[in-house]
Amino acid sequence: MREALEGARASVTTGRDAPEAGAVAADAAARLARERRAWPAPVINATGVILHTNLGRAPLSEASVRAAANAAAEYSDLELDLET
């Protein structure tokens, strides 16, 4: 909202007409939508490169995702020797 208002103020201070309130509100809404967009966003790899480094490498299998989620949900013995 602040950025949208700053843009409107800048228009006025440079001698241009003040933007309509609806235009300022639409600008603020568009800025908010960009900020709230899911990131990283899912995409379709149509590049022809199977393991494209800019597309997050290869997707994990469902079993790998479940295993990672299970390991991350609780404390684990990842770096502990439980026998000592």
C-alpha atoms as a PDB file:
ATOM      1  CA  MET A   1       0.000   0.000   0.000  1.00  0.00           C
ATOM      2  CA  ARG A   2       2.815   2.374   0.872  1.00  0.00           C
ATOM      3  CA  GLU A   3       4.482   1.863  -2.492  1.00  0.00           C
ATOM      4  CA  ALA A   4       1.223   2.529  -4.320  1.00  0.00           C
ATOM      5  CA  LEU A   5       0.685   5.713  -2.313  1.00  0.00           C
ATOM      6  CA  GLU A   6       4.289   6.789  -2.861  1.00  0.00           C
ATOM      7  CA  GLY A   7       3.785   6.344  -6.598  1.00  0.00           C
ATOM      8  CA  ALA A   8       0.643   8.474  -6.473  1.00  0.00           C
ATOM      9  CA  ARG A   9       2.455  11.171  -4.492  1.00  0.00           C
ATOM     10  CA  ALA A  10       5.343  11.122  -6.948  1.00  0.00           C
ATOM     11  CA  SER A  11       2.894  11.733  -9.793  1.00  0.00           C
ATOM     12  CA  VAL A  12       1.480  14.776  -8.041  1.00  0.00           C
ATOM     13  CA  THR A  13       4.853  16.212  -7.007  1.00  0.00           C
ATOM     14  CA  THR A  14       6.129  16.008 -10.590  1.00  0.00           C
ATOM     15  CA  GLY A  15       3.212  18.079 -11.821  1.00  0.00           C
ATOM     16  CA  ARG A  16       1.017  15.326 -13.211  1.00  0.00           C
ATOM     17  CA  ASP A  17      -2.625  14.917 -12.303  1.00  0.00           C
ATOM     18  CA  ALA A  18      -3.398  12.918  -9.188  1.00  0.00           C
ATOM     19  CA  PRO A  19      -4.381   9.350 -10.049  1.00  0.00           C
ATOM     20  CA  GLU A  20      -7.930   8.248  -9.345  1.00  0.00           C
ATOM     21  CA  ALA A  21      -8.441   6.509  -6.008  1.00  0.00           C
ATOM     22  CA  GLY A  22      -9.516   3.357  -7.842  1.00  0.00           C
ATOM     23  CA  ALA A  23      -6.258   3.329  -9.810  1.00  0.00           C
ATOM     24  CA  VAL A  24      -4.222   3.630  -6.611  1.00  0.00           C
ATOM     25  CA  ALA A  25      -6.265   0.831  -5.016  1.00  0.00           C
ATOM     26  CA  ALA A  26      -5.813  -1.361  -8.114  1.00  0.00           C
ATOM     27  CA  ASP A  27      -2.058  -0.702  -8.047  1.00  0.00           C
ATOM     28  CA  ALA A  28      -1.921  -1.652  -4.360  1.00  0.00           C
ATOM     29  CA  ALA A  29      -3.950  -4.823  -5.017  1.00  0.00           C
ATOM     30  CA  ALA A  30      -1.668  -5.824  -7.905  1.00  0.00           C
ATOM     31  CA  ARG A  31       1.428  -5.275  -5.763  1.00  0.00           C
ATOM     32  CA  LEU A  32      -0.067  -7.362  -2.963  1.00  0.00           C
ATOM     33  CA  ALA A  33      -0.976 -10.165  -5.364  1.00  0.00           C
ATOM     34  CA  ARG A  34       2.620 -10.254  -6.650  1.00  0.00           C
ATOM     35  CA  GLU A  35       3.979 -10.409  -3.101  1.00  0.00           C
ATOM     36  CA  ARG A  36       1.530 -13.127  -2.011  1.00  0.00           C
ATOM     37  CA  ARG A  37       2.140 -15.311  -5.066  1.00  0.00           C
ATOM     38  CA  ALA A  38       3.360 -18.780  -4.173  1.00  0.00           C
ATOM     39  CA  TRP A  39       7.110 -19.015  -4.579  1.00  0.00           C
ATOM     40  CA  PRO A  40       8.616 -21.038  -5.940  1.00  0.00           C
ATOM     41  CA  ALA A  41       5.737 -21.645  -8.331  1.00  0.00           C
ATOM     42  CA  PRO A  42       5.215 -25.008 -10.028  1.00  0.00           C
ATOM     43  CA  VAL A  43       6.116 -24.954 -13.721  1.00  0.00           C
ATOM     44  CA  ILE A  44       6.178 -27.387 -16.626  1.00  0.00           C
ATOM     45  CA  ASN A  45       9.627 -28.256 -17.942  1.00  0.00           C
ATOM     46  CA  ALA A  46       9.246 -27.954 -21.715  1.00  0.00           C
ATOM     47  CA  THR A  47      12.905 -27.049 -22.276  1.00  0.00           C
ATOM     48  CA  GLY A  48      14.020 -30.464 -23.472  1.00  0.00           C
ATOM     49  CA  VAL A  49      16.634 -30.546 -20.693  1.00  0.00           C
ATOM     50  CA  ILE A  50      15.709 -33.343 -18.292  1.00  0.00           C
ATOM     51  CA  LEU A  51      17.545 -32.034 -15.199  1.00  0.00           C
ATOM     52  CA  HIS A  52      17.322 -28.281 -15.729  1.00  0.00           C
ATOM     53  CA  THR A  53      19.219 -26.453 -12.972  1.00  0.00           C
ATOM     54  CA  ASN A  54      16.916 -23.414 -13.083  1.00  0.00           C
ATOM     55  CA  LEU A  55      13.823 -25.565 -12.602  1.00  0.00           C
ATOM     56  CA  GLY A  56      14.810 -27.122  -9.289  1.00  0.00           C
ATOM     57  CA  ARG A  57      16.446 -30.283 -10.644  1.00  0.00           C
ATOM     58  CA  ALA A  58      14.347 -33.447 -10.718  1.00  0.00           C
ATOM     59  CA  PRO A  59      11.075 -33.761  -8.794  1.00  0.00           C
ATOM     60  CA  LEU A  60      11.114 -36.104  -5.805  1.00  0.00           C
ATOM     61  CA  SER A  61       8.978 -39.221  -5.789  1.00  0.00           C
ATOM     62  CA  GLU A  62       5.934 -39.302  -3.513  1.00  0.00           C
ATOM     63  CA  ALA A  63       7.705 -41.804  -1.250  1.00  0.00           C
ATOM     64  CA  SER A  64      10.721 -39.481  -0.955  1.00  0.00           C
ATOM     65  CA  VAL A  65       8.496 -36.514  -0.127  1.00  0.00           C
ATOM     66  CA  ARG A  66       6.699 -38.544   2.572  1.00  0.00           C
ATOM     67  CA  ALA A  67       9.995 -39.755   4.038  1.00  0.00           C
ATOM     68  CA  ALA A  68      11.418 -36.220   4.127  1.00  0.00           C
ATOM     69  CA  ALA A  69       8.225 -34.869   5.704  1.00  0.00           C
ATOM     70  CA  ASN A  70       8.252 -37.625   8.337  1.00  0.00           C
ATOM     71  CA  ALA A  71      11.913 -36.973   9.156  1.00  0.00           C
ATOM     72  CA  ALA A  72      11.350 -33.214   9.382  1.00  0.00           C
ATOM     73  CA  ALA A  73       8.229 -33.490  11.554  1.00  0.00           C
ATOM     74  CA  GLU A  74      10.027 -34.761  14.667  1.00  0.00           C
ATOM     75  CA  TYR A  75      13.441 -34.884  16.297  1.00  0.00           C
ATOM     76  CA  SER A  76      15.649 -37.571  14.798  1.00  0.00           C
ATOM     77  CA  ASP A  77      18.911 -39.394  15.433  1.00  0.00           C
ATOM     78  CA  LEU A  78      20.480 -38.056  12.243  1.00  0.00           C
ATOM     79  CA  GLU A  79      23.827 -37.178  13.832  1.00  0.00           C
ATOM     80  CA  LEU A  80      23.619 -39.241  17.010  1.00  0.00           C
ATOM     81  CA  ASP A  81      24.990 -42.668  17.791  1.00  0.00           C
ATOM     82  CA  LEU A  82      22.218 -44.037  19.996  1.00  0.00           C
ATOM     83  CA  GLU A  83      24.357 -47.005  21.076  1.00  0.00           C
ATOM     84  CA  THR A  84      26.791 -44.779  23.025  1.00  0.00           C
END
